[in-house]
Amino acid sequence: MRLDPTTKAYAARRITEGKTSRDAQRCLKRTICRQIFKILERTHRTQVGSVEELAQAA
C-alpha cells in the first residue's frame, strides 16, 4: 500500500467509502487472492488442455 500507485488508489477509494485502513487492507487481500486464483485457473486449464491433446495424439 506504500509503493504501488494502483494499490494506493484502491486503498484510498476504500477509505473514502468509510472503511478503516485495516478494512481496506482486508479488501485488498481479497482482491489480490481473486486475481491470483484467476491466473491459476487459466494456467490449469491450459495444462489440462495440453495433456488431453497429447493423450488424443497418442
PDB file of N, CA and C in Angstrom:
ATOM      1  N   MET A   1       0.817  -1.191   0.000  1.00  0.00           N
ATOM      2  CA  MET A   1       0.000   0.000   0.000  1.00  0.00           C
ATOM      3  C   MET A   1       0.866   1.262   0.000  1.00  0.00           C
ATOM      4  N   ARG A   2       2.135   1.106   0.254  1.00  0.00           N
ATOM      5  CA  ARG A   2       3.001   2.284   0.316  1.00  0.00           C
ATOM      6  C   ARG A   2       3.635   2.623  -1.024  1.00  0.00           C
ATOM      7  N   LEU A   3       3.878   1.620  -1.864  1.00  0.00           N
ATOM      8  CA  LEU A   3       4.691   1.871  -3.050  1.00  0.00           C
ATOM      9  C   LEU A   3       3.920   1.851  -4.364  1.00  0.00           C
ATOM     10  N   ASP A   4       3.017   0.916  -4.529  1.00  0.00           N
ATOM     11  CA  ASP A   4       2.322   0.736  -5.800  1.00  0.00           C
ATOM     12  C   ASP A   4       1.200   1.766  -5.956  1.00  0.00           C
ATOM     13  N   PRO A   5       1.222   2.553  -7.041  1.00  0.00           N
ATOM     14  CA  PRO A   5       0.193   3.592  -7.216  1.00  0.00           C
ATOM     15  C   PRO A   5      -1.223   3.024  -7.364  1.00  0.00           C
ATOM     16  N   THR A   6      -1.349   1.886  -8.021  1.00  0.00           N
ATOM     17  CA  THR A   6      -2.671   1.267  -8.178  1.00  0.00           C
ATOM     18  C   THR A   6      -3.222   0.836  -6.830  1.00  0.00           C
ATOM     19  N   THR A   7      -2.368   0.262  -6.012  1.00  0.00           N
ATOM     20  CA  THR A   7      -2.772  -0.177  -4.688  1.00  0.00           C
ATOM     21  C   THR A   7      -3.122   1.016  -3.810  1.00  0.00           C
ATOM     22  N   LYS A   8      -2.346   2.076  -3.908  1.00  0.00           N
ATOM     23  CA  LYS A   8      -2.641   3.291  -3.150  1.00  0.00           C
ATOM     24  C   LYS A   8      -4.018   3.832  -3.512  1.00  0.00           C
ATOM     25  N   ALA A   9      -4.312   3.865  -4.800  1.00  0.00           N
ATOM     26  CA  ALA A   9      -5.607   4.374  -5.255  1.00  0.00           C
ATOM     27  C   ALA A   9      -6.744   3.490  -4.746  1.00  0.00           C
ATOM     28  N   TYR A  10      -6.543   2.173  -4.783  1.00  0.00           N
ATOM     29  CA  TYR A  10      -7.563   1.242  -4.306  1.00  0.00           C
ATOM     30  C   TYR A  10      -7.829   1.458  -2.815  1.00  0.00           C
ATOM     31  N   ALA A  11      -6.759   1.558  -2.022  1.00  0.00           N
ATOM     32  CA  ALA A  11      -6.904   1.749  -0.579  1.00  0.00           C
ATOM     33  C   ALA A  11      -7.567   3.095  -0.284  1.00  0.00           C
ATOM     34  N   ALA A  12      -7.167   4.126  -0.999  1.00  0.00           N
ATOM     35  CA  ALA A  12      -7.765   5.446  -0.787  1.00  0.00           C
ATOM     36  C   ALA A  12      -9.262   5.420  -1.114  1.00  0.00           C
ATOM     37  N   ARG A  13      -9.613   4.708  -2.173  1.00  0.00           N
ATOM     38  CA  ARG A  13     -11.024   4.603  -2.557  1.00  0.00           C
ATOM     39  C   ARG A  13     -11.830   3.901  -1.473  1.00  0.00           C
ATOM     40  N   ARG A  14     -11.273   2.834  -0.917  1.00  0.00           N
ATOM     41  CA  ARG A  14     -11.961   2.103   0.151  1.00  0.00           C
ATOM     42  C   ARG A  14     -12.102   2.954   1.410  1.00  0.00           C
ATOM     43  N   ILE A  15     -11.062   3.721   1.721  1.00  0.00           N
ATOM     44  CA  ILE A  15     -11.105   4.565   2.911  1.00  0.00           C
ATOM     45  C   ILE A  15     -12.138   5.677   2.739  1.00  0.00           C
ATOM     46  N   THR A  16     -12.244   6.232   1.521  1.00  0.00           N
ATOM     47  CA  THR A  16     -13.258   7.262   1.285  1.00  0.00           C
ATOM     48  C   THR A  16     -14.665   6.686   1.330  1.00  0.00           C
ATOM     49  N   GLU A  17     -14.783   5.375   1.124  1.00  0.00           N
ATOM     50  CA  GLU A  17     -16.085   4.722   1.239  1.00  0.00           C
ATOM     51  C   GLU A  17     -16.492   4.533   2.699  1.00  0.00           C
ATOM     52  N   GLY A  18     -15.575   4.868   3.623  1.00  0.00           N
ATOM     53  CA  GLY A  18     -15.896   4.768   5.036  1.00  0.00           C
ATOM     54  C   GLY A  18     -15.254   3.592   5.741  1.00  0.00           C
ATOM     55  N   LYS A  19     -14.415   2.864   5.048  1.00  0.00           N
ATOM     56  CA  LYS A  19     -13.739   1.729   5.672  1.00  0.00           C
ATOM     57  C   LYS A  19     -12.504   2.219   6.413  1.00  0.00           C
ATOM     58  N   THR A  20     -12.089   1.472   7.420  1.00  0.00           N
ATOM     59  CA  THR A  20     -10.854   1.804   8.126  1.00  0.00           C
ATOM     60  C   THR A  20      -9.667   1.320   7.299  1.00  0.00           C
ATOM     61  N   SER A  21      -8.482   1.722   7.691  1.00  0.00           N
ATOM     62  CA  SER A  21      -7.286   1.289   6.979  1.00  0.00           C
ATOM     63  C   SER A  21      -7.162  -0.231   7.034  1.00  0.00           C
ATOM     64  N   ARG A  22      -7.496  -0.797   8.176  1.00  0.00           N
ATOM     65  CA  ARG A  22      -7.430  -2.254   8.329  1.00  0.00           C
ATOM     66  C   ARG A  22      -8.437  -2.963   7.418  1.00  0.00           C
ATOM     67  N   ASP A  23      -9.651  -2.411   7.326  1.00  0.00           N
ATOM     68  CA  ASP A  23     -10.654  -2.977   6.418  1.00  0.00           C
ATOM     69  C   ASP A  23     -10.207  -2.866   4.966  1.00  0.00           C
ATOM     70  N   ALA A  24      -9.581  -1.745   4.631  1.00  0.00           N
ATOM     71  CA  ALA A  24      -9.076  -1.557   3.268  1.00  0.00           C
ATOM     72  C   ALA A  24      -8.022  -2.602   2.943  1.00  0.00           C
ATOM     73  N   GLN A  25      -7.165  -2.919   3.916  1.00  0.00           N
ATOM     74  CA  GLN A  25      -6.163  -3.956   3.708  1.00  0.00           C
ATOM     75  C   GLN A  25      -6.827  -5.310   3.503  1.00  0.00           C
ATOM     76  N   ARG A  26      -7.858  -5.582   4.260  1.00  0.00           N
ATOM     77  CA  ARG A  26      -8.585  -6.836   4.114  1.00  0.00           C
ATOM     78  C   ARG A  26      -9.198  -6.955   2.715  1.00  0.00           C
ATOM     79  N   CYS A  27      -9.808  -5.869   2.256  1.00  0.00           N
ATOM     80  CA  CYS A  27     -10.381  -5.853   0.909  1.00  0.00           C
ATOM     81  C   CYS A  27      -9.302  -6.051  -0.149  1.00  0.00           C
ATOM     82  N   LEU A  28      -8.163  -5.428   0.072  1.00  0.00           N
ATOM     83  CA  LEU A  28      -7.048  -5.559  -0.864  1.00  0.00           C
ATOM     84  C   LEU A  28      -6.569  -6.999  -0.945  1.00  0.00           C
ATOM     85  N   LYS A  29      -6.462  -7.650   0.202  1.00  0.00           N
ATOM     86  CA  LYS A  29      -6.036  -9.053   0.212  1.00  0.00           C
ATOM     87  C   LYS A  29      -7.010  -9.918  -0.571  1.00  0.00           C
ATOM     88  N   ARG A  30      -8.308  -9.686  -0.372  1.00  0.00           N
ATOM     89  CA  ARG A  30      -9.310 -10.463  -1.118  1.00  0.00           C
ATOM     90  C   ARG A  30      -9.181 -10.242  -2.611  1.00  0.00           C
ATOM     91  N   THR A  31      -8.986  -8.987  -3.005  1.00  0.00           N
ATOM     92  CA  THR A  31      -8.845  -8.669  -4.425  1.00  0.00           C
ATOM     93  C   THR A  31      -7.625  -9.358  -5.028  1.00  0.00           C
ATOM     94  N   ILE A  32      -6.524  -9.332  -4.303  1.00  0.00           N
ATOM     95  CA  ILE A  32      -5.300  -9.979  -4.785  1.00  0.00           C
ATOM     96  C   ILE A  32      -5.512 -11.484  -4.902  1.00  0.00           C
ATOM     97  N   CYS A  33      -6.175 -12.086  -3.921  1.00  0.00           N
ATOM     98  CA  CYS A  33      -6.447 -13.531  -3.960  1.00  0.00           C
ATOM     99  C   CYS A  33      -7.299 -13.891  -5.162  1.00  0.00           C
ATOM    100  N   ARG A  34      -8.295 -13.075  -5.452  1.00  0.00           N
ATOM    101  CA  ARG A  34      -9.148 -13.346  -6.623  1.00  0.00           C
ATOM    102  C   ARG A  34      -8.341 -13.311  -7.910  1.00  0.00           C
ATOM    103  N   GLN A  35      -7.461 -12.311  -8.018  1.00  0.00           N
ATOM    104  CA  GLN A  35      -6.636 -12.196  -9.228  1.00  0.00           C
ATOM    105  C   GLN A  35      -5.702 -13.394  -9.372  1.00  0.00           C
ATOM    106  N   ILE A  36      -5.081 -13.797  -8.282  1.00  0.00           N
ATOM    107  CA  ILE A  36      -4.174 -14.949  -8.316  1.00  0.00           C
ATOM    108  C   ILE A  36      -4.935 -16.215  -8.670  1.00  0.00           C
ATOM    109  N   PHE A  37      -6.123 -16.391  -8.100  1.00  0.00           N
ATOM    110  CA  PHE A  37      -6.923 -17.574  -8.387  1.00  0.00           C
ATOM    111  C   PHE A  37      -7.281 -17.644  -9.869  1.00  0.00           C
ATOM    112  N   LYS A  38      -7.643 -16.509 -10.459  1.00  0.00           N
ATOM    113  CA  LYS A  38      -7.957 -16.490 -11.894  1.00  0.00           C
ATOM    114  C   LYS A  38      -6.748 -16.903 -12.726  1.00  0.00           C
ATOM    115  N   ILE A  39      -5.581 -16.418 -12.349  1.00  0.00           N
ATOM    116  CA  ILE A  39      -4.351 -16.780 -13.071  1.00  0.00           C
ATOM    117  C   ILE A  39      -4.095 -18.274 -12.955  1.00  0.00           C
ATOM    118  N   LEU A  40      -4.258 -18.804 -11.744  1.00  0.00           N
ATOM    119  CA  LEU A  40      -4.042 -20.238 -11.539  1.00  0.00           C
ATOM    120  C   LEU A  40      -5.046 -21.072 -12.318  1.00  0.00           C
ATOM    121  N   GLU A  41      -6.304 -20.631 -12.371  1.00  0.00           N
ATOM    122  CA  GLU A  41      -7.308 -21.363 -13.148  1.00  0.00           C
ATOM    123  C   GLU A  41      -6.935 -21.403 -14.621  1.00  0.00           C
ATOM    124  N   ARG A  42      -6.523 -20.256 -15.159  1.00  0.00           N
ATOM    125  CA  ARG A  42      -6.121 -20.213 -16.571  1.00  0.00           C
ATOM    126  C   ARG A  42      -4.950 -21.131 -16.839  1.00  0.00           C
ATOM    127  N   THR A  43      -3.970 -21.118 -15.956  1.00  0.00           N
ATOM    128  CA  THR A  43      -2.795 -21.968 -16.103  1.00  0.00           C
ATOM    129  C   THR A  43      -3.189 -23.428 -16.062  1.00  0.00           C
ATOM    130  N   HIS A  44      -4.075 -23.774 -15.139  1.00  0.00           N
ATOM    131  CA  HIS A  44      -4.529 -25.159 -15.004  1.00  0.00           C
ATOM    132  C   HIS A  44      -5.286 -25.598 -16.252  1.00  0.00           C
ATOM    133  N   ARG A  45      -6.145 -24.730 -16.769  1.00  0.00           N
ATOM    134  CA  ARG A  45      -6.912 -25.080 -17.976  1.00  0.00           C
ATOM    135  C   ARG A  45      -5.993 -25.339 -19.159  1.00  0.00           C
ATOM    136  N   THR A  46      -4.982 -24.513 -19.330  1.00  0.00           N
ATOM    137  CA  THR A  46      -4.093 -24.707 -20.473  1.00  0.00           C
ATOM    138  C   THR A  46      -3.276 -25.977 -20.293  1.00  0.00           C
ATOM    139  N   GLN A  47      -2.885 -26.300 -19.060  1.00  0.00           N
ATOM    140  CA  GLN A  47      -2.125 -27.519 -18.824  1.00  0.00           C
ATOM    141  C   GLN A  47      -3.003 -28.743 -19.057  1.00  0.00           C
ATOM    142  N   VAL A  48      -4.254 -28.699 -18.581  1.00  0.00           N
ATOM    143  CA  VAL A  48      -5.165 -29.824 -18.777  1.00  0.00           C
ATOM    144  C   VAL A  48      -5.461 -29.987 -20.257  1.00  0.00           C
ATOM    145  N   GLY A  49      -5.653 -28.870 -20.954  1.00  0.00           N
ATOM    146  CA  GLY A  49      -5.909 -28.941 -22.392  1.00  0.00           C
ATOM    147  C   GLY A  49      -4.754 -29.563 -23.139  1.00  0.00           C
ATOM    148  N   SER A  50      -3.539 -29.199 -22.792  1.00  0.00           N
ATOM    149  CA  SER A  50      -2.391 -29.748 -23.498  1.00  0.00           C
ATOM    150  C   SER A  50      -2.206 -31.225 -23.170  1.00  0.00           C
ATOM    151  N   VAL A  51      -2.529 -31.636 -21.939  1.00  0.00           N
ATOM    152  CA  VAL A  51      -2.437 -33.049 -21.566  1.00  0.00           C
ATOM    153  C   VAL A  51      -3.469 -33.859 -22.350  1.00  0.00           C
ATOM    154  N   GLU A  52      -4.683 -33.320 -22.463  1.00  0.00           N
ATOM    155  CA  GLU A  52      -5.716 -34.016 -23.226  1.00  0.00           C
ATOM    156  C   GLU A  52      -5.337 -34.120 -24.689  1.00  0.00           C
ATOM    157  N   GLU A  53      -4.751 -33.061 -25.239  1.00  0.00           N
ATOM    158  CA  GLU A  53      -4.323 -33.062 -26.631  1.00  0.00           C
ATOM    159  C   GLU A  53      -3.228 -34.112 -26.840  1.00  0.00           C
ATOM    160  N   LEU A  54      -2.323 -34.220 -25.911  1.00  0.00           N
ATOM    161  CA  LEU A  54      -1.262 -35.231 -26.012  1.00  0.00           C
ATOM    162  C   LEU A  54      -1.845 -36.637 -25.958  1.00  0.00           C
ATOM    163  N   ALA A  55      -2.814 -36.852 -25.097  1.00  0.00           N
ATOM    164  CA  ALA A  55      -3.434 -38.172 -24.987  1.00  0.00           C
ATOM    165  C   ALA A  55      -4.168 -38.533 -26.272  1.00  0.00           C
ATOM    166  N   GLN A  56      -4.846 -37.555 -26.881  1.00  0.00           N
ATOM    167  CA  GLN A  56      -5.559 -37.810 -28.124  1.00  0.00           C
ATOM    168  C   GLN A  56      -4.580 -38.060 -29.270  1.00  0.00           C
ATOM    169  N   ALA A  57      -3.474 -37.373 -29.260  1.00  0.00           N
ATOM    170  CA  ALA A  57      -2.495 -37.543 -30.325  1.00  0.00           C
ATOM    171  C   ALA A  57      -1.837 -38.910 -30.268  1.00  0.00           C
ATOM    172  N   ALA A  58      -1.746 -39.464 -29.058  1.00  0.00           N
ATOM    173  CA  ALA A  58      -1.112 -40.776 -28.910  1.00  0.00           C
ATOM    174  C   ALA A  58      -2.083 -41.812 -29.392  1.00  0.00           C
TER     175      ALA A  58
END
